[in-house]
Protein backbone atom coordinates (compact mmCIF):
# COMPACT_ATOMS: atom_id res chain seq x y z
CA MET A 1 0.00 0.00 0.00
CA ILE A 2 2.84 2.35 0.91
CA ASN A 3 4.70 1.51 -2.29
CA SER A 4 1.54 2.14 -4.29
CA ASN A 5 1.08 5.57 -2.72
CA ARG A 6 4.71 6.49 -3.39
CA LYS A 7 4.35 5.39 -7.01
CA GLU A 8 1.29 7.62 -7.41
CA GLU A 9 3.18 10.54 -5.87
CA ARG A 10 6.10 10.07 -8.29
CA ILE A 11 3.71 9.98 -11.25
CA ALA A 12 2.05 13.19 -10.05
CA LEU A 13 5.44 14.88 -9.71
CA ILE A 14 6.46 13.78 -13.18
CA LYS A 15 3.25 15.28 -14.58
CA GLU A 16 4.06 18.72 -13.21
CA ASN A 17 6.86 20.98 -14.37
CA ARG A 18 8.97 23.14 -12.13
CA THR A 19 6.50 26.06 -12.36
CA GLY A 20 3.61 23.92 -11.10
CA ALA A 21 1.76 23.67 -14.43
CA ARG A 22 0.38 20.19 -15.05
CA LEU A 23 1.88 18.44 -18.05
CA ALA A 24 -0.41 17.11 -20.75
CA GLY A 25 -0.46 13.36 -21.30
CA ARG A 26 -1.47 10.99 -24.07
CA LYS A 27 -5.16 11.87 -23.70
CA GLU A 28 -4.53 15.57 -24.35
CA TRP A 29 -2.41 14.91 -27.43
CA ILE A 30 -5.07 12.58 -28.85
CA ALA A 31 -7.64 15.27 -28.07
CA LEU A 32 -5.54 17.76 -30.05
CA ALA A 33 -5.73 15.42 -33.05
CA VAL A 34 -9.52 15.42 -32.63
CA LEU A 35 -9.58 19.21 -32.54
CA CYS A 36 -7.67 19.29 -35.82
CA LEU A 37 -10.73 17.79 -37.57
CA PRO A 38 -12.99 20.87 -37.36
CA LEU A 39 -10.02 23.17 -37.87
CA MET A 40 -9.03 21.44 -41.10
CA VAL A 41 -12.61 21.36 -42.40
CA VAL A 42 -13.33 25.02 -41.64
CA SER A 43 -10.10 26.22 -43.25
CA MET A 44 -10.68 23.96 -46.27
CA ASP A 45 -14.11 25.45 -46.90
CA VAL A 46 -12.49 28.82 -47.60
CA SER A 47 -10.92 27.44 -50.80
CA VAL A 48 -12.65 24.15 -51.62
CA LEU A 49 -14.99 25.75 -54.20
CA PHE A 50 -12.19 26.94 -56.51
CA PHE A 51 -12.57 23.98 -58.89
CA ALA A 52 -16.34 23.69 -58.45
CA ALA A 53 -17.10 27.08 -60.04
CA PRO A 54 -17.68 25.83 -63.62
CA ASP A 55 -19.98 23.00 -62.51
CA ILE A 56 -21.94 25.27 -60.17
CA ALA A 57 -22.30 27.86 -62.95
CA ALA A 58 -23.60 25.22 -65.39
CA ASP A 59 -26.01 23.70 -62.88
CA LEU A 60 -27.41 26.70 -60.99
CA GLN A 61 -26.71 29.44 -63.58
CA PRO A 62 -25.95 32.20 -61.03
CA THR A 63 -25.53 35.80 -62.05
CA ALA A 64 -22.08 37.39 -61.73
CA ASN A 65 -23.12 39.00 -58.44
CA GLN A 66 -24.58 35.74 -57.11
CA GLN A 67 -21.39 33.88 -58.01
CA LEU A 68 -19.38 36.43 -56.03
CA TRP A 69 -21.59 35.87 -53.00
CA ILE A 70 -21.41 32.07 -53.33
CA PHE A 71 -17.65 32.27 -52.90
CA ASP A 72 -17.33 35.14 -50.45
CA VAL A 73 -20.32 35.01 -48.08
CA TYR A 74 -18.72 32.18 -46.06
CA GLY A 75 -15.58 34.16 -45.29
CA PHE A 76 -17.54 37.38 -44.66
CA ILE A 77 -19.83 35.79 -42.07
CA LEU A 78 -16.95 33.84 -40.54
CA ALA A 79 -14.87 36.99 -39.99
CA GLY A 80 -17.84 38.96 -38.69
CA LEU A 81 -18.87 36.48 -35.98
CA LEU A 82 -15.56 35.12 -34.66
CA LEU A 83 -15.36 37.66 -31.84
CA THR A 84 -18.95 37.05 -30.79
CA MET A 85 -18.71 33.27 -30.85
CA GLY A 86 -15.47 33.36 -28.87
CA ALA A 87 -17.31 35.24 -26.12
CA VAL A 88 -20.26 32.84 -26.32
CA GLY A 89 -17.89 29.90 -25.79
CA ASP A 90 -16.42 31.63 -22.72
CA ARG A 91 -19.94 31.84 -21.32
CA ILE A 92 -21.65 28.53 -22.19
CA GLY A 93 -18.58 26.28 -22.44
CA ARG A 94 -16.09 25.79 -25.27
CA ARG A 95 -16.78 22.07 -25.77
CA ARG A 96 -20.52 22.64 -25.80
CA LEU A 97 -20.21 25.40 -28.38
CA LEU A 98 -17.88 23.19 -30.46
CA MET A 99 -20.45 20.38 -30.53
CA ILE A 100 -23.33 22.73 -31.32
CA GLY A 101 -21.30 24.23 -34.14
CA SER A 102 -20.43 20.75 -35.45
CA VAL A 103 -24.11 19.86 -35.75
CA GLY A 104 -24.82 23.15 -37.51
CA PHE A 105 -21.84 22.68 -39.85
CA ALA A 106 -22.94 19.16 -40.83
CA LEU A 107 -26.57 20.17 -41.48
CA SER A 108 -25.65 23.29 -43.46
CA SER A 109 -23.16 21.22 -45.50
CA LEU A 110 -26.01 18.86 -46.40
CA PHE A 111 -28.15 21.86 -47.32
CA ALA A 112 -25.39 23.27 -49.53
CA ALA A 113 -24.68 19.93 -51.25
CA TYR A 114 -28.26 19.64 -52.50
CA ALA A 115 -29.04 23.32 -53.12
CA GLN A 116 -31.22 23.69 -56.21
CA THR A 117 -30.84 27.44 -56.76
CA ALA A 118 -28.08 30.01 -56.44
CA GLU A 119 -30.03 31.75 -53.66
CA ALA A 120 -30.24 28.50 -51.68
CA LEU A 121 -26.51 27.90 -52.04
CA ILE A 122 -25.73 31.44 -50.88
CA ALA A 123 -27.95 30.92 -47.82
CA ALA A 124 -26.29 27.57 -47.08
CA ARG A 125 -22.82 29.09 -47.34
CA GLY A 126 -23.89 31.87 -44.97
CA ILE A 127 -25.09 29.32 -42.40
CA LEU A 128 -21.81 27.44 -42.86
CA GLY A 129 -20.03 30.66 -41.96
CA ILE A 130 -22.08 31.00 -38.78
CA ALA A 131 -21.31 27.40 -37.77
CA GLY A 132 -17.65 27.79 -38.72
CA SER A 133 -17.31 30.84 -36.50
CA THR A 134 -18.16 28.66 -33.48
CA LEU A 135 -15.51 26.06 -34.29
CA MET A 136 -12.28 28.02 -34.74
CA PRO A 137 -12.17 30.03 -31.47
CA SER A 138 -13.42 26.98 -29.54
CA THR A 139 -10.51 24.85 -30.74
CA LEU A 140 -8.00 27.54 -29.82
CA ALA A 141 -9.51 28.04 -26.35
CA LEU A 142 -9.52 24.28 -25.68
CA VAL A 143 -5.84 24.06 -26.62
CA ARG A 144 -5.22 26.79 -24.04
CA THR A 145 -7.09 24.72 -21.45
CA MET A 146 -5.50 21.34 -22.17
CA PHE A 147 -1.88 22.49 -22.49
CA GLN A 148 -0.97 24.55 -19.44
CA ASP A 149 2.78 24.05 -19.68
CA ASP A 150 4.40 26.73 -21.85
CA ASN A 151 6.62 24.32 -23.80
CA GLN A 152 3.84 21.86 -24.54
CA ARG A 153 1.42 24.63 -25.48
CA THR A 154 3.96 26.04 -27.93
CA LYS A 155 4.24 22.64 -29.63
CA ALA A 156 0.47 22.25 -29.68
CA MET A 157 0.02 25.70 -31.19
CA SER A 158 2.56 24.91 -33.92
CA ILE A 159 0.45 21.88 -34.88
CA TRP A 160 -2.73 24.00 -34.73
CA SER A 161 -1.26 26.65 -37.05
CA ALA A 162 0.16 24.10 -39.50
CA VAL A 163 -3.22 22.36 -39.79
CA MET A 164 -5.01 25.65 -40.38
CA ALA A 165 -2.55 26.67 -43.10
CA SER A 166 -2.58 23.26 -44.77
CA GLY A 167 -6.39 23.22 -44.87
CA VAL A 168 -6.44 26.24 -47.18
CA THR A 169 -3.78 24.56 -49.36
CA VAL A 170 -5.34 21.12 -49.68
CA GLY A 171 -8.90 22.42 -50.09
CA PRO A 172 -8.62 23.02 -53.86
CA ILE A 173 -6.86 19.67 -54.37
CA ILE A 174 -9.54 17.69 -52.54
CA GLY A 175 -12.20 19.67 -54.36
CA GLY A 176 -10.61 18.89 -57.72
CA LEU A 177 -10.36 15.17 -56.97
CA LEU A 178 -13.98 14.96 -55.85
CA ILE A 179 -15.37 16.89 -58.79
CA GLN A 180 -13.54 14.62 -61.24
CA SER A 181 -15.59 11.65 -59.91
CA PHE A 182 -18.73 13.15 -58.37
CA SER A 183 -20.96 16.22 -58.52
CA TRP A 184 -19.99 19.61 -57.09
CA GLY A 185 -22.10 18.88 -54.00
CA SER A 186 -19.52 16.31 -52.90
CA VAL A 187 -17.17 19.09 -51.76
CA PHE A 188 -19.70 19.82 -49.00
CA LEU A 189 -20.64 16.22 -48.17
CA ILE A 190 -17.08 15.43 -47.04
CA ASN A 191 -17.67 17.74 -44.07
CA ILE A 192 -20.36 15.47 -42.61
CA PRO A 193 -18.27 12.39 -41.62
CA ALA A 194 -15.62 14.66 -40.08
CA MET A 195 -18.24 16.41 -37.94
CA ALA A 196 -19.90 13.08 -37.02
CA LEU A 197 -16.56 11.68 -35.82
CA LEU A 198 -15.97 14.81 -33.75
CA LEU A 199 -19.39 14.52 -32.11
CA LEU A 200 -18.73 10.89 -31.19
CA ILE A 201 -15.27 11.43 -29.71
CA ALA A 202 -15.42 14.94 -28.19
CA PRO A 203 -17.43 14.04 -25.04
CA PHE A 204 -14.81 11.46 -24.03
CA LEU A 205 -11.60 13.34 -24.82
CA LEU A 206 -12.25 17.08 -24.66
CA PRO A 207 -12.65 18.81 -21.30
CA GLU A 208 -15.54 21.18 -20.73
CA ASN A 209 -14.31 24.62 -19.82
CA ARG A 210 -15.95 28.02 -19.43
CA SER A 211 -15.25 31.35 -17.83
CA SER A 212 -15.54 31.33 -14.04
CA SER A 213 -17.10 34.80 -14.12
CA PRO A 214 -18.93 35.12 -17.45
CA GLY A 215 -20.27 38.54 -18.23
CA ARG A 216 -23.38 39.38 -20.22
CA ILE A 217 -22.90 39.04 -23.97
CA ASP A 218 -23.56 42.46 -25.43
CA ILE A 219 -25.82 41.92 -28.44
CA ALA A 220 -25.32 45.50 -29.64
CA SER A 221 -21.54 45.00 -29.74
CA SER A 222 -21.98 41.76 -31.69
CA LEU A 223 -24.16 43.48 -34.26
CA LEU A 224 -21.75 46.41 -34.53
CA ALA A 225 -18.81 44.04 -35.06
CA LEU A 226 -20.66 42.23 -37.83
CA ALA A 227 -21.86 45.50 -39.38
CA ALA A 228 -18.28 46.82 -39.40
CA ILE A 229 -16.42 43.75 -40.68
CA LEU A 230 -18.85 42.71 -43.43
CA PRO A 231 -18.85 45.96 -45.45
CA VAL A 232 -15.13 46.58 -44.90
CA THR A 233 -14.19 43.08 -46.10
CA TYR A 234 -16.65 43.22 -49.01
CA GLY A 235 -15.52 46.69 -50.02
CA VAL A 236 -11.83 45.79 -49.97
CA LYS A 237 -12.34 42.57 -51.96
CA THR A 238 -14.62 44.21 -54.52
CA LEU A 239 -12.23 47.11 -55.09
CA ALA A 240 -9.40 44.64 -55.62
CA GLU A 241 -11.35 42.53 -58.10
CA ASP A 242 -13.34 45.15 -60.03
CA GLY A 243 -11.44 48.39 -59.52
CA TRP A 244 -12.65 51.73 -58.20
CA ALA A 245 -16.44 52.05 -57.90
CA PRO A 246 -18.73 54.19 -55.71
CA ILE A 247 -20.69 51.37 -54.04
CA PRO A 248 -17.74 49.44 -52.53
CA VAL A 249 -16.12 52.72 -51.50
CA ALA A 250 -19.33 53.77 -49.73
CA LEU A 251 -19.57 50.38 -48.01
CA LEU A 252 -15.94 50.58 -46.93
CA ALA A 253 -16.49 54.06 -45.46
CA ALA A 254 -19.69 52.94 -43.71
CA GLY A 255 -17.90 49.94 -42.22
CA LEU A 256 -15.15 52.17 -40.84
CA VAL A 257 -17.72 54.47 -39.25
CA VAL A 258 -19.47 51.53 -37.62
CA GLY A 259 -16.08 50.21 -36.53
CA TYR A 260 -15.41 53.51 -34.75
CA ALA A 261 -18.78 53.20 -32.99
CA PHE A 262 -17.87 49.64 -31.98
CA VAL A 263 -14.58 50.81 -30.42
CA ARG A 264 -16.32 53.61 -28.54
CA ARG A 265 -18.86 51.17 -27.13
CA GLN A 266 -16.18 48.70 -26.01
CA LEU A 267 -14.49 51.47 -24.04
CA SER A 268 -17.72 52.49 -22.31
CA ILE A 269 -19.35 49.21 -21.19
CA ALA A 270 -18.47 46.97 -18.26
CA ASN A 271 -18.24 43.66 -20.18
CA PRO A 272 -16.84 44.50 -23.61
CA LEU A 273 -16.82 42.00 -26.43
CA LEU A 274 -13.28 43.15 -27.22
CA ASP A 275 -10.95 44.49 -24.55
CA ILE A 276 -9.64 47.56 -26.37
CA ARG A 277 -7.49 48.60 -23.43
CA ALA A 278 -5.67 45.26 -23.54
CA LEU A 279 -4.88 45.90 -27.19
CA MET A 280 -3.26 49.17 -26.21
CA ASP A 281 -0.51 47.16 -24.54
CA ARG A 282 2.26 47.13 -27.13
CA ARG A 283 2.90 43.39 -26.72
CA THR A 284 -0.71 42.22 -27.03
CA GLY A 285 -1.79 44.78 -29.62
CA GLY A 286 1.54 44.42 -31.40
CA SER A 287 1.05 40.65 -31.62
CA ILE A 288 -2.36 41.05 -33.24
CA LEU A 289 -0.90 43.58 -35.70
CA ILE A 290 1.95 41.20 -36.51
CA ASN A 291 -0.54 38.38 -37.13
CA LEU A 292 -2.47 40.63 -39.52
CA ILE A 293 0.73 41.50 -41.43
CA ALA A 294 1.65 37.82 -41.62
CA THR A 295 -1.62 36.77 -43.26
CA PHE A 296 -1.54 39.94 -45.39
CA THR A 297 1.70 38.87 -47.08
CA LEU A 298 0.91 35.13 -47.11
CA MET A 299 -2.27 35.64 -49.15
CA ALA A 300 -0.43 38.01 -51.48
CA SER A 301 2.12 35.27 -52.14
CA ALA A 302 -0.64 32.79 -52.89
CA LEU A 303 -2.29 35.28 -55.27
CA VAL A 304 0.90 35.86 -57.26
CA ASN A 305 2.06 32.25 -57.37
CA THR A 306 -1.33 30.86 -58.39
CA GLN A 307 -1.54 33.18 -61.39
CA PHE A 308 2.08 32.44 -62.31
CA LEU A 309 1.48 28.68 -62.36
CA GLN A 310 -1.78 28.87 -64.34
CA SER A 311 -1.51 31.91 -66.61
CA VAL A 312 2.25 32.07 -67.25
CA LEU A 313 3.39 28.44 -67.11
CA GLY A 314 0.06 27.24 -68.48
CA TYR A 315 -0.75 24.52 -65.95
CA SER A 316 -4.35 23.45 -65.39
CA PRO A 317 -5.87 24.48 -62.06
CA PHE A 318 -5.54 20.93 -60.71
CA VAL A 319 -1.88 20.51 -61.75
CA ALA A 320 -1.11 24.01 -60.47
CA SER A 321 -2.65 23.15 -57.10
CA LEU A 322 -0.49 20.03 -56.89
CA TRP A 323 2.67 22.08 -57.46
CA SER A 324 1.48 24.59 -54.88
CA VAL A 325 1.43 21.86 -52.22
CA LEU A 326 5.22 21.48 -52.30
CA PRO A 327 5.92 24.67 -50.28
CA SER A 328 3.75 23.24 -47.49
CA VAL A 329 6.55 20.72 -46.84
CA ALA A 330 8.62 23.63 -45.57
CA VAL A 331 5.69 24.71 -43.40
CA GLY A 332 5.51 21.30 -41.76
CA ALA A 333 9.14 21.55 -40.70
CA ALA A 334 9.21 25.26 -39.86
CA ALA A 335 6.41 25.42 -37.27
CA PRO A 336 7.91 22.86 -34.83
CA LEU A 337 11.40 24.28 -35.36
CA ALA A 338 10.19 27.79 -34.56
CA ALA A 339 8.48 26.50 -31.43
CA LYS A 340 11.70 24.82 -30.29
CA LEU A 341 13.90 27.84 -31.02
CA SER A 342 11.53 30.15 -29.15
CA LEU A 343 12.29 28.29 -25.92
CA THR A 344 15.93 29.40 -26.04
CA LEU A 345 15.90 32.58 -28.13
CA GLY A 346 12.52 33.97 -27.07
CA ARG A 347 9.45 34.42 -29.24
CA PRO A 348 10.17 37.98 -30.49
CA ARG A 349 13.54 37.04 -31.97
CA VAL A 350 12.20 33.92 -33.67
CA MET A 351 9.18 35.80 -35.02
CA ALA A 352 11.46 38.50 -36.39
CA GLY A 353 13.58 35.77 -37.93
CA GLY A 354 10.47 34.28 -39.53
CA PHE A 355 9.63 37.60 -41.15
CA ALA A 356 13.23 37.88 -42.38
CA VAL A 357 13.10 34.39 -43.92
CA SER A 358 9.85 35.31 -45.69
CA ALA A 359 11.41 38.53 -46.96
CA ILE A 360 14.24 36.46 -48.44
CA GLY A 361 11.59 34.26 -50.07
CA PHE A 362 9.98 37.29 -51.72
CA GLY A 363 13.44 38.39 -52.81
CA ILE A 364 13.86 35.05 -54.59
CA LEU A 365 10.48 35.53 -56.28
CA THR A 366 11.80 38.77 -57.79
CA GLN A 367 14.44 36.68 -59.57
CA VAL A 368 12.06 34.30 -61.35
CA ARG A 369 12.68 34.61 -65.12
CA LEU A 370 10.95 32.73 -67.92
CA ASP A 371 14.23 32.62 -69.82
CA GLY A 372 16.28 31.93 -66.70
CA PHE A 373 17.18 28.83 -64.72
CA LEU A 374 14.19 26.55 -63.98
CA PRO A 375 11.56 29.24 -63.25
CA LEU A 376 9.23 26.72 -61.60
CA ALA A 377 11.94 25.51 -59.20
CA VAL A 378 12.96 29.08 -58.30
CA MET A 379 9.32 30.01 -57.65
CA LEU A 380 8.77 26.96 -55.43
CA VAL A 381 11.88 27.74 -53.36
CA GLY A 382 10.76 31.35 -52.88
CA ALA A 383 7.18 30.36 -52.05
CA GLY A 384 8.44 27.73 -49.61
CA LEU A 385 10.54 30.26 -47.69
CA VAL A 386 7.65 32.74 -47.62
CA ALA A 387 5.23 30.13 -46.26
CA ALA A 388 7.70 28.69 -43.74
CA GLY A 389 8.57 32.08 -42.28
CA ILE A 390 4.99 33.35 -42.11
CA VAL A 391 3.54 30.19 -40.54
CA SER A 392 6.33 30.27 -37.94
CA VAL A 393 5.29 33.81 -37.03
CA MET A 394 1.59 32.93 -36.91
CA THR A 395 2.29 29.91 -34.70
CA LEU A 396 4.19 31.94 -32.12
CA VAL A 397 1.73 34.84 -32.21
CA ALA A 398 -1.18 32.55 -31.42
CA ASP A 399 0.81 30.80 -28.71
CA TYR A 400 1.95 34.08 -27.15
CA VAL A 401 -1.44 35.81 -27.13
CA VAL A 402 -3.34 32.73 -25.92
CA GLY A 403 -0.67 32.08 -23.30
CA VAL A 404 -0.75 35.55 -21.75
CA ALA A 405 -4.54 35.93 -22.02
CA PRO A 406 -6.63 35.11 -18.94
CA ALA A 407 -8.07 31.59 -19.16
CA ASP A 408 -11.55 33.08 -18.65
CA ARG A 409 -11.19 35.04 -21.92
CA ALA A 410 -9.46 32.35 -24.02
CA GLY A 411 -12.41 32.00 -26.40
CA ALA A 412 -12.72 35.71 -27.03
CA VAL A 413 -8.97 36.01 -27.57
CA GLY A 414 -9.07 33.09 -30.00
CA GLY A 415 -11.80 34.88 -31.93
CA LEU A 416 -9.68 38.03 -32.05
CA ILE A 417 -6.69 36.15 -33.48
CA GLU A 418 -8.82 34.51 -36.16
CA THR A 419 -10.50 37.83 -37.00
CA SER A 420 -7.12 39.47 -37.57
CA SER A 421 -6.15 36.53 -39.80
CA GLU A 422 -9.30 36.82 -41.92
CA LEU A 423 -8.96 40.59 -42.30
CA GLY A 424 -5.24 40.37 -43.01
CA GLY A 425 -5.89 37.87 -45.80
CA ALA A 426 -8.63 40.01 -47.33
CA PHE A 427 -6.51 43.16 -47.23
CA GLY A 428 -3.47 41.32 -48.60
CA ILE A 429 -5.37 40.14 -51.65
CA ALA A 430 -6.92 43.57 -52.09
CA LEU A 431 -4.00 45.94 -51.62
CA LEU A 432 -1.16 43.88 -53.06
CA GLY A 433 -3.58 42.63 -55.71
CA CYS A 434 -4.07 46.26 -56.70
CA VAL A 435 -0.28 46.68 -56.97
CA LEU A 436 -0.10 43.58 -59.19
CA ALA A 437 -2.91 44.83 -61.44
CA ALA A 438 -1.61 48.40 -61.69
CA VAL A 439 1.93 47.37 -62.65
CA TYR A 440 0.59 44.86 -65.18
CA ARG A 441 -1.60 47.49 -66.87
CA HIS A 442 1.30 49.93 -67.06
CA ALA A 443 3.76 47.33 -68.40
CA VAL A 444 1.52 45.61 -70.95
CA ALA A 445 0.25 48.71 -72.79
CA PRO A 446 3.40 49.38 -74.88
CA LEU A 447 3.93 45.66 -75.58
CA LEU A 448 0.58 44.86 -77.21
CA PRO A 449 0.65 44.58 -81.02
CA ALA A 450 -0.92 47.30 -83.15
CA GLY A 451 -4.21 46.65 -84.88
CA LEU A 452 -6.15 45.18 -81.93
CA SER A 453 -9.76 46.21 -81.58
CA PRO A 454 -10.55 48.60 -78.70
CA GLU A 455 -12.40 45.82 -76.86
CA ALA A 456 -9.48 43.40 -77.26
CA SER A 457 -6.96 46.03 -76.14
CA VAL A 458 -8.97 46.81 -73.02
CA ALA A 459 -9.41 43.15 -72.07
CA ALA A 460 -5.75 42.25 -72.68
CA GLY A 461 -4.62 45.38 -70.86
CA GLN A 462 -6.51 44.59 -67.65
CA THR A 463 -5.36 41.10 -66.63
CA ILE A 464 -3.30 38.23 -67.98
CA ALA A 465 -6.44 36.07 -67.93
CA GLY A 466 -8.16 38.64 -70.15
CA ALA A 467 -5.21 38.55 -72.55
CA SER A 468 -5.46 34.77 -72.73
CA ALA A 469 -9.18 34.95 -73.51
CA VAL A 470 -8.61 37.58 -76.22
CA SER A 471 -5.88 35.50 -77.89
CA HIS A 472 -8.33 32.71 -78.75
CA ALA A 473 -10.13 34.95 -81.23
CA LEU A 474 -6.98 36.30 -82.92
CA PRO A 475 -4.85 35.02 -85.81
CA ALA A 476 -1.96 32.83 -84.72
CA GLU A 477 0.75 35.49 -85.00
CA ALA A 478 -1.23 38.18 -83.21
CA ALA A 479 -2.30 35.70 -80.52
CA THR A 480 1.32 34.77 -79.85
CA GLN A 481 2.29 38.44 -79.57
CA VAL A 482 -0.55 39.14 -77.12
CA LEU A 483 0.34 36.13 -74.95
CA ASN A 484 4.04 36.97 -74.90
CA ALA A 485 3.27 40.59 -74.02
CA SER A 486 0.94 39.61 -71.20
CA LYS A 487 3.43 37.12 -69.75
CA GLU A 488 6.27 39.63 -69.84
CA ALA A 489 4.06 42.28 -68.21
CA PHE A 490 2.90 39.84 -65.54
CA MET A 491 6.48 38.92 -64.68
CA THR A 492 7.24 42.61 -64.16
CA ALA A 493 4.15 42.95 -61.97
CA MET A 494 5.09 39.82 -60.04
CA HIS A 495 8.57 41.17 -59.33
CA VAL A 496 7.30 44.56 -58.16
CA THR A 497 4.59 43.03 -55.95
CA SER A 498 7.09 40.62 -54.41
CA LEU A 499 9.49 43.50 -53.78
CA VAL A 500 6.76 45.53 -52.03
CA ALA A 501 5.78 42.53 -49.89
CA GLY A 502 9.44 41.92 -49.01
CA VAL A 503 9.91 45.52 -47.88
CA ILE A 504 6.77 45.28 -45.74
CA LEU A 505 8.19 42.16 -44.08
CA LEU A 506 11.52 43.85 -43.39
CA LEU A 507 9.64 46.68 -41.67
CA ALA A 508 7.63 44.06 -39.78
CA THR A 509 10.90 42.49 -38.62
CA ALA A 510 11.95 45.74 -36.98
CA ALA A 511 8.44 46.32 -35.59
CA THR A 512 8.42 42.85 -34.01
CA LEU A 513 11.66 43.43 -32.14
CA THR A 514 10.41 46.84 -30.99
CA LEU A 515 6.82 46.05 -30.00
CA LEU A 516 7.43 42.67 -28.38
CA ARG A 517 10.70 43.37 -26.61
CA ASP A 518 10.58 42.12 -23.05
CA LYS A 519 13.86 41.64 -21.22
CA LYS A 520 12.26 39.70 -18.38
CA ALA A 521 10.52 37.32 -20.77
CA ALA A 522 13.73 36.84 -22.72
CA VAL A 523 15.67 35.98 -19.58
CA SER A 524 12.92 33.59 -18.45
CA ALA A 525 12.82 31.87 -21.84
CA ALA A 526 16.59 31.45 -21.86
CA ALA A 527 16.48 29.98 -18.37
């Protein structure tokens, strides 16, 4: 009996580190694998429709505006409700909210798979966004609960970030494979078994956890957050895709006004949805800003590289997506390495190093030449460095912010991190997409052959995809000239955009070391 008691005491001591935080065991790591299911599915649904567009257009015959909403309404709703759902999870329990969201995600996926009209599909995608907004902050908050030890939580967060990033990458590939054998609805049906498995396993592996002193959820703040994020995100994306127009500008301005009202309300109420004063701390607010910059440049890289593979090298969307998976190999190695290095060097230094590695990657992208050495290989190396550096930064940002946040507010903080990621991605596509388009238009104009009709000149002068479409109706010689001109102009635009992104990352490197400097934390990490 005495020996048994001593054995139990030794096991308990082994399961606690020197700071008193309980170490996670096999159950927690298996639970993390379970949490990766909803995370992968939600991140996949951002991009899984890329290859389904032609089949959806042929089946449902949506208008141009409806097709825009089919693709974008999911991300808009997701970004607008992440803060609110994070606070709801703090109040009612993160596991409970995760399971409720899983049921909603499965049912709305079934609704989307068998939608008979464009309006029905838009509605289904909107409901998917609502359900998805419950899943992402819940997974992040549960990681915070299960992994109390700093070292273990850093490793867990690196896995969490890698899964989220890989979901966006593999989404188009899985979508392409399914559509080759089944209807477009199959890209939604794959969500159902994943959610069913989560519902079966979650009650046994995931702990229930909620805030010990939950405040009242302010409905007005939730509505203001949604009313600010939706028009801002829509306005930025529309301006990037269609150019300057009064309606998206008006929506963007209205969203900013509502956003100001949201901030004023958070500063005046007792239980704010978003703790603005906490964001005024240079380390917390600086971390959120750094996360936004990271996704800003990551999505810009994806935008440039996707067009290069398809429009310049001429690969089909499916083959291009397969090539685009290769840089994710670097991501898989970089996230754990960054987590390990942060234990000795401190998070700020490793995050700054991640930005520097990504800047080098963009520098390599400026050297891609069609007549140079293996342009595909050079592009893949550059894209791999960009992705590896950015995902390392995002991993440590999430780990840092979740680690320093009070456990009672873990859900709300998780929603804030995800909101900054969604907005950063939207702004990256919009602003750096505008740089890409502007440089292309300026470079292609003097290269186009004489004798083109005004309509053909306008189309070829806007985008490389427009030039490719125009070339099909031209004589062989003129078509070749138009294609060569568009490719040369795009390469110039690609180099300039990569240079701008690289400069932004170098500035972010300096900002990281300035905003997140903490001598005490550095000494503690080294110890």
